[in-house]
C-alpha atoms as a PDB file:
ATOM      1  CA  UNK A   1      40.505 -30.655  32.287  1.00  0.00           C
ATOM      2  CA  UNK A   2      40.972 -28.624  29.081  1.00  0.00           C
ATOM      3  CA  UNK A   3      37.798 -27.553  27.615  1.00  0.00           C
ATOM      4  CA  UNK A   4      36.126 -28.916  24.840  1.00  0.00           C
ATOM      5  CA  UNK A   5      36.437 -26.728  21.442  1.00  0.00           C
ATOM      6  CA  UNK A   6      33.114 -25.446  20.478  1.00  0.00           C
ATOM      7  CA  UNK A   7      31.934 -26.562  17.985  1.00  0.00           C
ATOM      8  CA  UNK A   8      31.608 -24.753  14.648  1.00  0.00           C
ATOM      9  CA  UNK A   9      28.043 -23.851  12.920  1.00  0.00           C
ATOM     10  CA  UNK A  10      26.877 -25.768  10.487  1.00  0.00           C
ATOM     11  CA  UNK A  11      26.335 -24.249   6.636  1.00  0.00           C
ATOM     12  CA  UNK A  12      22.520 -24.439   6.896  1.00  0.00           C
ATOM     13  CA  UNK A  13      22.747 -22.832  10.553  1.00  0.00           C
ATOM     14  CA  UNK A  14      24.411 -19.778   9.284  1.00  0.00           C
ATOM     15  CA  UNK A  15      22.137 -19.359   6.159  1.00  0.00           C
ATOM     16  CA  UNK A  16      19.221 -19.351   8.331  1.00  0.00           C
ATOM     17  CA  UNK A  17      20.458 -16.304  10.308  1.00  0.00           C
ATOM     18  CA  UNK A  18      21.681 -15.009   6.852  1.00  0.00           C
ATOM     19  CA  UNK A  19      17.905 -14.913   6.026  1.00  0.00           C
ATOM     20  CA  UNK A  20      16.418 -14.197   9.144  1.00  0.00           C
ATOM     21  CA  UNK A  21      19.237 -11.171   8.861  1.00  0.00           C
ATOM     22  CA  UNK A  22      17.843  -9.940   5.676  1.00  0.00           C
ATOM     23  CA  UNK A  23      13.867  -9.943   6.255  1.00  0.00           C
ATOM     24  CA  UNK A  24      14.312  -8.673   9.358  1.00  0.00           C
ATOM     25  CA  UNK A  25      13.359  -4.588   8.405  1.00  0.00           C
ATOM     26  CA  UNK A  26      10.123  -6.646   6.854  1.00  0.00           C
ATOM     27  CA  UNK A  27       9.373  -8.105   9.838  1.00  0.00           C
ATOM     28  CA  UNK A  28      10.556  -5.222  12.188  1.00  0.00           C
ATOM     29  CA  UNK A  29       8.245  -2.629   9.791  1.00  0.00           C
ATOM     30  CA  UNK A  30       5.195  -5.431  10.205  1.00  0.00           C
ATOM     31  CA  UNK A  31       5.182  -5.240  13.804  1.00  0.00           C
ATOM     32  CA  UNK A  32       6.031  -2.051  14.957  1.00  0.00           C
ATOM     33  CA  UNK A  33       4.315  -0.077  11.724  1.00  0.00           C
ATOM     34  CA  UNK A  34       1.990  -2.167   9.741  1.00  0.00           C
ATOM     35  CA  UNK A  35       0.329  -4.588  12.325  1.00  0.00           C
ATOM     36  CA  UNK A  36      -1.141  -1.750  13.521  1.00  0.00           C
ATOM     37  CA  UNK A  37      -2.876  -0.716  10.178  1.00  0.00           C
ATOM     38  CA  UNK A  38      -4.076  -4.368   9.821  1.00  0.00           C
ATOM     39  CA  UNK A  39      -5.845  -4.892  12.800  1.00  0.00           C
ATOM     40  CA  UNK A  40      -7.908  -1.186  12.281  1.00  0.00           C
ATOM     41  CA  UNK A  41      -8.343  -2.120   9.014  1.00  0.00           C
ATOM     42  CA  UNK A  42     -10.350  -5.691   9.828  1.00  0.00           C
ATOM     43  CA  UNK A  43     -12.115  -3.583  12.746  1.00  0.00           C
ATOM     44  CA  UNK A  44     -13.776  -1.623   9.817  1.00  0.00           C
ATOM     45  CA  UNK A  45     -14.548  -4.407   7.939  1.00  0.00           C
ATOM     46  CA  UNK A  46     -17.094  -5.123  10.713  1.00  0.00           C
ATOM     47  CA  UNK A  47     -18.206  -1.327  11.427  1.00  0.00           C
ATOM     48  CA  UNK A  48     -19.646   1.575   9.619  1.00  0.00           C
ATOM     49  CA  UNK A  49     -17.487   4.566   9.760  1.00  0.00           C
ATOM     50  CA  UNK A  50     -18.679   8.170  10.015  1.00  0.00           C
ATOM     51  CA  UNK A  51     -16.586  10.630   9.537  1.00  0.00           C
ATOM     52  CA  UNK A  52     -16.676  13.946  10.580  1.00  0.00           C
ATOM     53  CA  UNK A  53     -15.191  17.297  11.655  1.00  0.00           C
ATOM     54  CA  UNK A  54     -13.591  15.587  15.003  1.00  0.00           C
ATOM     55  CA  UNK A  55     -12.436  11.878  13.301  1.00  0.00           C
ATOM     56  CA  UNK A  56     -14.628   9.050  12.843  1.00  0.00           C
ATOM     57  CA  UNK A  57     -17.266   7.404  14.972  1.00  0.00           C
ATOM     58  CA  UNK A  58     -17.855   3.326  14.448  1.00  0.00           C
ATOM     59  CA  UNK A  59     -20.930   1.617  14.787  1.00  0.00           C
ATOM     60  CA  UNK A  60     -21.116  -2.534  14.226  1.00  0.00           C
ATOM     61  CA  UNK A  61     -22.748  -3.971  11.908  1.00  0.00           C
ATOM     62  CA  UNK A  62     -21.703  -7.814  11.577  1.00  0.00           C
ATOM     63  CA  UNK A  63     -21.202  -8.849   8.475  1.00  0.00           C
ATOM     64  CA  UNK A  64     -23.024  -6.441   6.602  1.00  0.00           C
ATOM     65  CA  UNK A  65     -20.170  -5.035   4.669  1.00  0.00           C
ATOM     66  CA  UNK A  66     -18.844  -8.145   3.770  1.00  0.00           C
ATOM     67  CA  UNK A  67     -22.585  -9.273   2.302  1.00  0.00           C
ATOM     68  CA  UNK A  68     -22.493  -6.011   0.559  1.00  0.00           C
ATOM     69  CA  UNK A  69     -18.858  -6.737  -1.692  1.00  0.00           C
ATOM     70  CA  UNK A  70     -20.399 -10.099  -1.861  1.00  0.00           C
ATOM     71  CA  UNK A  71     -24.430 -10.241  -2.842  1.00  0.00           C
ATOM     72  CA  UNK A  72     -24.434  -6.230  -3.567  1.00  0.00           C
ATOM     73  CA  UNK A  73     -21.928  -4.405  -5.376  1.00  0.00           C
ATOM     74  CA  UNK A  74     -22.109  -5.170  -9.269  1.00  0.00           C
ATOM     75  CA  UNK A  75     -18.614  -5.732 -10.241  1.00  0.00           C
ATOM     76  CA  UNK A  76     -15.998  -6.633  -7.271  1.00  0.00           C
ATOM     77  CA  UNK A  77     -17.083 -10.585  -7.609  1.00  0.00           C
ATOM     78  CA  UNK A  78     -16.855 -10.635 -11.396  1.00  0.00           C
ATOM     79  CA  UNK A  79     -13.590  -8.816 -11.443  1.00  0.00           C
ATOM     80  CA  UNK A  80     -12.313 -11.011  -8.293  1.00  0.00           C
ATOM     81  CA  UNK A  81     -12.820 -13.601 -10.726  1.00  0.00           C
ATOM     82  CA  UNK A  82     -11.741 -12.333 -13.939  1.00  0.00           C
ATOM     83  CA  UNK A  83      -8.457 -11.535 -12.328  1.00  0.00           C
ATOM     84  CA  UNK A  84      -7.820 -14.931 -11.102  1.00  0.00           C
ATOM     85  CA  UNK A  85      -8.591 -16.197 -15.116  1.00  0.00           C
ATOM     86  CA  UNK A  86      -5.838 -13.792 -15.815  1.00  0.00           C
ATOM     87  CA  UNK A  87      -3.435 -15.192 -13.385  1.00  0.00           C
ATOM     88  CA  UNK A  88      -4.353 -18.884 -14.947  1.00  0.00           C
ATOM     89  CA  UNK A  89      -2.405 -17.086 -18.010  1.00  0.00           C
ATOM     90  CA  UNK A  90      -0.424 -14.564 -16.926  1.00  0.00           C
ATOM     91  CA  UNK A  91       1.645 -16.601 -14.213  1.00  0.00           C
ATOM     92  CA  UNK A  92       2.875 -19.691 -16.276  1.00  0.00           C
ATOM     93  CA  UNK A  93       4.027 -17.681 -19.197  1.00  0.00           C
ATOM     94  CA  UNK A  94       5.801 -15.206 -17.298  1.00  0.00           C
ATOM     95  CA  UNK A  95       7.967 -18.331 -15.352  1.00  0.00           C
ATOM     96  CA  UNK A  96       9.145 -19.945 -19.267  1.00  0.00           C
ATOM     97  CA  UNK A  97       9.598 -16.442 -20.353  1.00  0.00           C
ATOM     98  CA  UNK A  98      11.692 -15.416 -17.486  1.00  0.00           C
ATOM     99  CA  UNK A  99      13.544 -19.162 -17.478  1.00  0.00           C
ATOM    100  CA  UNK A 100      14.158 -18.793 -21.392  1.00  0.00           C
ATOM    101  CA  UNK A 101      15.552 -15.336 -21.326  1.00  0.00           C
ATOM    102  CA  UNK A 102      17.509 -16.108 -17.699  1.00  0.00           C
ATOM    103  CA  UNK A 103      19.323 -19.313 -19.639  1.00  0.00           C
ATOM    104  CA  UNK A 104      20.528 -17.178 -22.594  1.00  0.00           C
ATOM    105  CA  UNK A 105      21.875 -14.591 -20.270  1.00  0.00           C
ATOM    106  CA  UNK A 106      23.769 -17.608 -18.788  1.00  0.00           C
ATOM    107  CA  UNK A 107      25.162 -17.897 -22.027  1.00  0.00           C
ATOM    108  CA  UNK A 108      28.792 -17.056 -21.874  1.00  0.00           C
ATOM    109  CA  UNK A 109      28.931 -14.011 -24.636  1.00  0.00           C
ATOM    110  CA  UNK A 110      30.075 -10.304 -24.873  1.00  0.00           C
ATOM    111  CA  UNK A 111      28.296  -7.898 -23.141  1.00  0.00           C
ATOM    112  CA  UNK A 112      25.999 -10.410 -21.199  1.00  0.00           C
ATOM    113  CA  UNK A 113      25.757  -7.763 -17.892  1.00  0.00           C
ATOM    114  CA  UNK A 114      23.908  -5.158 -20.488  1.00  0.00           C
ATOM    115  CA  UNK A 115      21.476  -7.092 -21.336  1.00  0.00           C
ATOM    116  CA  UNK A 116      20.563  -8.443 -18.135  1.00  0.00           C
ATOM    117  CA  UNK A 117      19.947  -4.883 -17.275  1.00  0.00           C
ATOM    118  CA  UNK A 118      18.407  -4.511 -20.258  1.00  0.00           C
ATOM    119  CA  UNK A 119      15.896  -6.686 -19.194  1.00  0.00           C
ATOM    120  CA  UNK A 120      16.138  -5.749 -14.945  1.00  0.00           C
ATOM    121  CA  UNK A 121      15.784  -2.242 -16.419  1.00  0.00           C
ATOM    122  CA  UNK A 122      11.868  -2.387 -16.208  1.00  0.00           C
ATOM    123  CA  UNK A 123      12.130  -3.253 -12.786  1.00  0.00           C
ATOM    124  CA  UNK A 124      13.669   0.195 -11.777  1.00  0.00           C
ATOM    125  CA  UNK A 125      11.543   1.994 -14.477  1.00  0.00           C
ATOM    126  CA  UNK A 126       7.549   0.754 -12.544  1.00  0.00           C
ATOM    127  CA  UNK A 127       8.144   2.745 -10.067  1.00  0.00           C
ATOM    128  CA  UNK A 128       6.609   6.718  -9.083  1.00  0.00           C
ATOM    129  CA  UNK A 129       5.988   8.949 -11.182  1.00  0.00           C
ATOM    130  CA  UNK A 130       7.433   6.464 -14.207  1.00  0.00           C
ATOM    131  CA  UNK A 131       4.566   4.559 -13.558  1.00  0.00           C
ATOM    132  CA  UNK A 132       1.918   7.916 -13.580  1.00  0.00           C
ATOM    133  CA  UNK A 133       3.956   8.971 -16.764  1.00  0.00           C
ATOM    134  CA  UNK A 134       2.974   5.415 -18.672  1.00  0.00           C
ATOM    135  CA  UNK A 135      -0.836   5.437 -16.708  1.00  0.00           C
ATOM    136  CA  UNK A 136      -0.897   8.860 -18.768  1.00  0.00           C
ATOM    137  CA  UNK A 137       0.564   7.486 -22.124  1.00  0.00           C
ATOM    138  CA  UNK A 138      -1.655   5.134 -21.594  1.00  0.00           C
ATOM    139  CA  UNK A 139      -4.315   7.243 -21.248  1.00  0.00           C
ATOM    140  CA  UNK A 140      -3.313   9.072 -24.140  1.00  0.00           C
ATOM    141  CA  UNK A 141      -3.365   6.200 -26.171  1.00  0.00           C
ATOM    142  CA  UNK A 142      -6.451   4.737 -25.338  1.00  0.00           C
ATOM    143  CA  UNK A 143      -8.219   7.930 -26.979  1.00  0.00           C
ATOM    144  CA  UNK A 144      -6.345   8.191 -29.436  1.00  0.00           C
ATOM    145  CA  UNK A 145      -7.290   4.744 -30.667  1.00  0.00           C
ATOM    146  CA  UNK A 146     -11.215   5.554 -29.658  1.00  0.00           C
ATOM    147  CA  UNK A 147     -10.860   8.593 -32.375  1.00  0.00           C
ATOM    148  CA  UNK A 148      -9.548   6.239 -34.951  1.00  0.00           C
ATOM    149  CA  UNK A 149     -12.221   4.198 -34.173  1.00  0.00           C
ATOM    150  CA  UNK A 150     -14.356   6.937 -35.314  1.00  0.00           C
ATOM    151  CA  UNK A 151     -12.077   8.160 -38.706  1.00  0.00           C
ATOM    152  CA  UNK A 152     -11.205   4.925 -39.244  1.00  0.00           C
ATOM    153  CA  UNK A 153      -7.639   6.677 -39.240  1.00  0.00           C
ATOM    154  CA  UNK A 154      -5.941   4.869 -36.262  1.00  0.00           C
ATOM    155  CA  UNK A 155      -7.151   0.723 -36.487  1.00  0.00           C
ATOM    156  CA  UNK A 156      -4.826  -0.676 -38.867  1.00  0.00           C
ATOM    157  CA  UNK A 157      -1.796  -1.316 -37.324  1.00  0.00           C
ATOM    158  CA  UNK A 158      -3.406  -2.698 -34.181  1.00  0.00           C
ATOM    159  CA  UNK A 159      -6.416  -4.804 -35.859  1.00  0.00           C
ATOM    160  CA  UNK A 160      -3.966  -6.387 -37.546  1.00  0.00           C
ATOM    161  CA  UNK A 161      -2.001  -7.622 -34.487  1.00  0.00           C
ATOM    162  CA  UNK A 162      -4.676  -9.008 -32.547  1.00  0.00           C
ATOM    163  CA  UNK A 163      -8.277  -9.110 -35.099  1.00  0.00           C
ATOM    164  CA  UNK A 164      -6.128 -11.287 -37.743  1.00  0.00           C
ATOM    165  CA  UNK A 165      -4.499 -13.727 -35.564  1.00  0.00           C
ATOM    166  CA  UNK A 166      -8.147 -13.968 -33.755  1.00  0.00           C
ATOM    167  CA  UNK A 167      -9.134 -14.833 -37.755  1.00  0.00           C
ATOM    168  CA  UNK A 168      -6.694 -17.282 -38.477  1.00  0.00           C
ATOM    169  CA  UNK A 169      -6.595 -19.310 -36.124  1.00  0.00           C
ATOM    170  CA  UNK A 170     -10.455 -19.586 -35.970  1.00  0.00           C
ATOM    171  CA  UNK A 171      -9.910 -20.253 -39.895  1.00  0.00           C
ATOM    172  CA  UNK A 172      -7.752 -23.139 -38.566  1.00  0.00           C
ATOM    173  CA  UNK A 173     -10.545 -24.514 -36.864  1.00  0.00           C
ATOM    174  CA  UNK A 174      -8.843 -24.454 -33.063  1.00  0.00           C
ATOM    175  CA  UNK A 175     -10.783 -25.182 -30.402  1.00  0.00           C
ATOM    176  CA  UNK A 176     -12.780 -21.913 -29.303  1.00  0.00           C
ATOM    177  CA  UNK A 177     -10.665 -22.506 -25.078  1.00  0.00           C
ATOM    178  CA  UNK A 178      -7.400 -22.399 -27.348  1.00  0.00           C
ATOM    179  CA  UNK A 179      -8.114 -19.383 -28.968  1.00  0.00           C
ATOM    180  CA  UNK A 180      -9.409 -17.617 -26.508  1.00  0.00           C
ATOM    181  CA  UNK A 181      -5.707 -18.500 -24.397  1.00  0.00           C
ATOM    182  CA  UNK A 182      -3.852 -17.686 -26.919  1.00  0.00           C
ATOM    183  CA  UNK A 183      -5.431 -14.741 -27.817  1.00  0.00           C
ATOM    184  CA  UNK A 184      -4.676 -13.756 -23.801  1.00  0.00           C
ATOM    185  CA  UNK A 185      -1.022 -13.986 -24.269  1.00  0.00           C
ATOM    186  CA  UNK A 186      -0.460 -11.615 -27.454  1.00  0.00           C
ATOM    187  CA  UNK A 187      -2.616  -8.818 -25.137  1.00  0.00           C
ATOM    188  CA  UNK A 188      -0.697  -9.138 -22.326  1.00  0.00           C
ATOM    189  CA  UNK A 189       3.023  -9.804 -23.795  1.00  0.00           C
ATOM    190  CA  UNK A 190       3.940  -5.736 -22.785  1.00  0.00           C
ATOM    191  CA  UNK A 191       2.546  -7.497 -19.430  1.00  0.00           C
ATOM    192  CA  UNK A 192       4.552 -10.381 -19.214  1.00  0.00           C
ATOM    193  CA  UNK A 193       8.130  -8.680 -20.424  1.00  0.00           C
ATOM    194  CA  UNK A 194       7.237  -5.466 -18.930  1.00  0.00           C
ATOM    195  CA  UNK A 195       7.267  -7.746 -15.173  1.00  0.00           C
ATOM    196  CA  UNK A 196       9.256 -10.487 -15.781  1.00  0.00           C
ATOM    197  CA  UNK A 197      13.127  -8.568 -14.574  1.00  0.00           C
ATOM    198  CA  UNK A 198      12.857  -9.737 -10.569  1.00  0.00           C
ATOM    199  CA  UNK A 199      12.211 -13.393 -12.241  1.00  0.00           C
ATOM    200  CA  UNK A 200      15.075 -13.620 -14.922  1.00  0.00           C
ATOM    201  CA  UNK A 201      17.489 -12.281 -12.012  1.00  0.00           C
ATOM    202  CA  UNK A 202      15.914 -15.273  -9.399  1.00  0.00           C
ATOM    203  CA  UNK A 203      16.632 -17.909 -12.785  1.00  0.00           C
ATOM    204  CA  UNK A 204      19.590 -16.088 -13.701  1.00  0.00           C
ATOM    205  CA  UNK A 205      21.320 -16.373  -9.792  1.00  0.00           C
ATOM    206  CA  UNK A 206      19.995 -20.107  -9.825  1.00  0.00           C
ATOM    207  CA  UNK A 207      21.699 -21.114 -12.466  1.00  0.00           C
ATOM    208  CA  UNK A 208      25.041 -19.821 -11.499  1.00  0.00           C
ATOM    209  CA  UNK A 209      25.083 -21.595  -8.774  1.00  0.00           C
ATOM    210  CA  UNK A 210      24.700 -24.660 -10.246  1.00  0.00           C
ATOM    211  CA  UNK A 211      28.284 -26.565 -10.743  1.00  0.00           C
ATOM    212  CA  UNK A 212      29.746 -26.593 -14.198  1.00  0.00           C
ATOM    213  CA  UNK A 213      31.381 -30.195 -12.805  1.00  0.00           C
ATOM    214  CA  UNK A 214      27.780 -31.450 -13.069  1.00  0.00           C
ATOM    215  CA  UNK A 215      27.449 -30.563 -17.150  1.00  0.00           C
ATOM    216  CA  UNK A 216      30.650 -31.829 -17.397  1.00  0.00           C
ATOM    217  CA  UNK A 217      30.223 -34.981 -15.771  1.00  0.00           C
ATOM    218  CA  UNK A 218      26.824 -35.211 -17.958  1.00  0.00           C
ATOM    219  CA  UNK A 219      28.326 -34.506 -21.201  1.00  0.00           C
ATOM    220  CA  UNK A 220      31.870 -37.139 -20.332  1.00  0.00           C
ATOM    221  CA  UNK A 221      28.391 -39.983 -20.146  1.00  0.00           C
ATOM    222  CA  UNK A 222      26.784 -38.728 -23.235  1.00  0.00           C
ATOM    223  CA  UNK A 223      23.830 -36.613 -22.171  1.00  0.00           C
ATOM    224  CA  UNK A 224      22.406 -34.278 -24.511  1.00  0.00           C
ATOM    225  CA  UNK A 225      22.079 -30.719 -24.302  1.00  0.00           C
ATOM    226  CA  UNK A 226      18.113 -31.306 -24.107  1.00  0.00           C
ATOM    227  CA  UNK A 227      18.792 -34.043 -21.208  1.00  0.00           C
ATOM    228  CA  UNK A 228      20.803 -32.448 -19.535  1.00  0.00           C
ATOM    229  CA  UNK A 229      18.408 -29.245 -19.200  1.00  0.00           C
ATOM    230  CA  UNK A 230      15.694 -31.217 -18.235  1.00  0.00           C
ATOM    231  CA  UNK A 231      17.810 -34.075 -16.075  1.00  0.00           C
ATOM    232  CA  UNK A 232      20.085 -31.103 -14.226  1.00  0.00           C
ATOM    233  CA  UNK A 233      19.222 -28.189 -14.602  1.00  0.00           C
ATOM    234  CA  UNK A 234      15.465 -27.882 -13.760  1.00  0.00           C
ATOM    235  CA  UNK A 235      15.906 -30.117 -10.897  1.00  0.00           C
ATOM    236  CA  UNK A 236      18.643 -28.314  -9.615  1.00  0.00           C
ATOM    237  CA  UNK A 237      16.549 -24.840 -10.218  1.00  0.00           C
ATOM    238  CA  UNK A 238      13.061 -26.210  -9.218  1.00  0.00           C
ATOM    239  CA  UNK A 239      13.471 -24.014  -5.524  1.00  0.00           C
ATOM    240  CA  UNK A 240      13.419 -20.531  -7.623  1.00  0.00           C
ATOM    241  CA  UNK A 241      10.723 -21.817  -9.755  1.00  0.00           C
ATOM    242  CA  UNK A 242       8.924 -22.031  -6.965  1.00  0.00           C
ATOM    243  CA  UNK A 243       9.133 -18.751  -5.660  1.00  0.00           C
ATOM    244  CA  UNK A 244       9.031 -17.285  -9.010  1.00  0.00           C
ATOM    245  CA  UNK A 245       5.380 -18.895  -8.799  1.00  0.00           C
ATOM    246  CA  UNK A 246       5.088 -17.145  -5.517  1.00  0.00           C
ATOM    247  CA  UNK A 247       6.287 -14.056  -6.068  1.00  0.00           C
ATOM    248  CA  UNK A 248       4.622 -13.725  -9.789  1.00  0.00           C
ATOM    249  CA  UNK A 249       0.867 -14.631  -8.411  1.00  0.00           C
ATOM    250  CA  UNK A 250       1.789 -12.254  -5.303  1.00  0.00           C
ATOM    251  CA  UNK A 251       2.846  -9.533  -7.914  1.00  0.00           C
ATOM    252  CA  UNK A 252      -0.052  -9.491 -10.336  1.00  0.00           C
ATOM    253  CA  UNK A 253      -2.537  -9.781  -7.425  1.00  0.00           C
ATOM    254  CA  UNK A 254      -1.203  -6.379  -6.253  1.00  0.00           C
ATOM    255  CA  UNK A 255       0.055  -4.249  -8.441  1.00  0.00           C
ATOM    256  CA  UNK A 256      -1.033  -0.761  -9.181  1.00  0.00           C
ATOM    257  CA  UNK A 257      -2.800  -1.367 -12.520  1.00  0.00           C
ATOM    258  CA  UNK A 258      -4.643  -4.257 -11.154  1.00  0.00           C
ATOM    259  CA  UNK A 259      -8.422  -3.363 -11.550  1.00  0.00           C
ATOM    260  CA  UNK A 260      -9.388  -5.212  -7.549  1.00  0.00           C
ATOM    261  CA  UNK A 261      -6.590  -2.863  -5.925  1.00  0.00           C
ATOM    262  CA  UNK A 262      -8.528   0.223  -8.098  1.00  0.00           C
ATOM    263  CA  UNK A 263     -11.977  -0.671  -7.409  1.00  0.00           C
ATOM    264  CA  UNK A 264     -11.069  -1.106  -3.514  1.00  0.00           C
ATOM    265  CA  UNK A 265      -9.473   1.930  -3.763  1.00  0.00           C
ATOM    266  CA  UNK A 266     -12.476   3.689  -5.393  1.00  0.00           C
ATOM    267  CA  UNK A 267     -14.638   2.652  -3.227  1.00  0.00           C
ATOM    268  CA  UNK A 268     -12.754   3.919   0.235  1.00  0.00           C
ATOM    269  CA  UNK A 269     -11.792   6.920  -1.087  1.00  0.00           C
ATOM    270  CA  UNK A 270     -14.142   8.223  -4.140  1.00  0.00           C
ATOM    271  CA  UNK A 271     -17.469   6.740  -2.649  1.00  0.00           C
ATOM    272  CA  UNK A 272     -16.194   7.038   0.857  1.00  0.00           C
ATOM    273  CA  UNK A 273     -17.227   3.514   2.049  1.00  0.00           C
ATOM    274  CA  UNK A 274     -14.661   2.602   4.137  1.00  0.00           C
ATOM    275  CA  UNK A 275     -16.166  -0.445   5.727  1.00  0.00           C
ATOM    276  CA  UNK A 276     -17.522  -1.628   2.076  1.00  0.00           C
ATOM    277  CA  UNK A 277     -13.649  -1.344   0.645  1.00  0.00           C
ATOM    278  CA  UNK A 278     -12.148  -3.131   3.915  1.00  0.00           C
ATOM    279  CA  UNK A 279     -14.485  -6.015   3.424  1.00  0.00           C
ATOM    280  CA  UNK A 280     -13.256  -5.933   0.128  1.00  0.00           C
ATOM    281  CA  UNK A 281      -9.946  -5.767   0.809  1.00  0.00           C
ATOM    282  CA  UNK A 282     -10.366  -8.630   3.645  1.00  0.00           C
ATOM    283  CA  UNK A 283     -11.926 -10.799   0.449  1.00  0.00           C
ATOM    284  CA  UNK A 284      -9.234 -10.439  -1.459  1.00  0.00           C
ATOM    285  CA  UNK A 285      -6.849 -11.541   0.900  1.00  0.00           C
ATOM    286  CA  UNK A 286      -8.167 -14.530   1.572  1.00  0.00           C
ATOM    287  CA  UNK A 287      -8.865 -14.933  -2.303  1.00  0.00           C
ATOM    288  CA  UNK A 288      -4.825 -14.799  -2.474  1.00  0.00           C
ATOM    289  CA  UNK A 289      -4.121 -16.353   0.688  1.00  0.00           C
ATOM    290  CA  UNK A 290      -6.409 -19.364  -1.264  1.00  0.00           C
ATOM    291  CA  UNK A 291      -4.633 -19.568  -4.588  1.00  0.00           C
ATOM    292  CA  UNK A 292      -1.047 -19.175  -2.491  1.00  0.00           C
ATOM    293  CA  UNK A 293      -1.912 -22.096  -0.475  1.00  0.00           C
ATOM    294  CA  UNK A 294      -2.792 -24.292  -3.274  1.00  0.00           C
ATOM    295  CA  UNK A 295       0.000 -23.574  -5.902  1.00  0.00           C
ATOM    296  CA  UNK A 296       2.190 -23.611  -2.596  1.00  0.00           C
ATOM    297  CA  UNK A 297       0.813 -27.612  -2.136  1.00  0.00           C
ATOM    298  CA  UNK A 298       1.210 -28.661  -6.401  1.00  0.00           C
ATOM    299  CA  UNK A 299       4.633 -27.148  -6.552  1.00  0.00           C
ATOM    300  CA  UNK A 300       6.304 -28.503  -3.532  1.00  0.00           C
ATOM    301  CA  UNK A 301       5.666 -32.341  -5.021  1.00  0.00           C
ATOM    302  CA  UNK A 302       7.808 -30.827  -7.592  1.00  0.00           C
ATOM    303  CA  UNK A 303      10.491 -28.866  -6.292  1.00  0.00           C
ATOM    304  CA  UNK A 304      14.229 -30.833  -5.522  1.00  0.00           C
ATOM    305  CA  UNK A 305      15.771 -30.427  -2.351  1.00  0.00           C
ATOM    306  CA  UNK A 306      19.979 -31.672  -2.206  1.00  0.00           C
ATOM    307  CA  UNK A 307      18.674 -32.912   1.753  1.00  0.00           C
ATOM    308  CA  UNK A 308      15.650 -34.907   0.325  1.00  0.00           C
ATOM    309  CA  UNK A 309      16.318 -38.571   0.233  1.00  0.00           C
END
């Protein structure tokens, strides 16, 4: 009796195996390297840590560190709420800006690869010594601006860029909440451009994965460019939009210049209160998990998958 031919692996299973292959380094690193660190941090949040020449000793204090972080520390809760507020401003703007730039870069034009590299360059530069140099430049600029306030020499250009825009909007009797939102966008435009490189690359990959035949069929049927964008492009790249939103939320919560991250580090290494810093970190992680869960539930309803009926 002849053996039946082995059934070839489906494309879905192949893509699943490719996915596991690419995330294998992260999974292995998490299991064999970071799992012990995460467990130790969780135990630290329930214990008082006392350091000495021979190491450290722990004594159980229950939820005291969490109570200190939530009800005693003067700025932790305030800064955490402020971070969530900034998230509501920066993430939508970053997504729209990244999609806008990706659509432009996806057009046929000379030097397209150069322009793509220009927008992705900040992602490469925003590492290691470049970040430290950038932080030093920010500190120097801040000191110079403070000196300019005293002498009246260096406040002209920055005042025009922010205060005049705010005054213009207020003179038009626009709602104060809208003015606050717009000013938040103006003040964060540098961060939006600087931290949108990965999102642009992902959007480009999604746009280039759409078959040109779909656009040609829509054009033959008389669809306008606006209709094509909203009825073909947006649904086809909606999974990429979902991924970019999740990435942007995590990126904002874990940036090196994040106020909460700096606060947790200060409590641990300057104040030498390791239990409180661990409790703050786990509270912050819980807040991030809740935000991601809400975002995932909302976004999943609008994500289009071809296998859905």
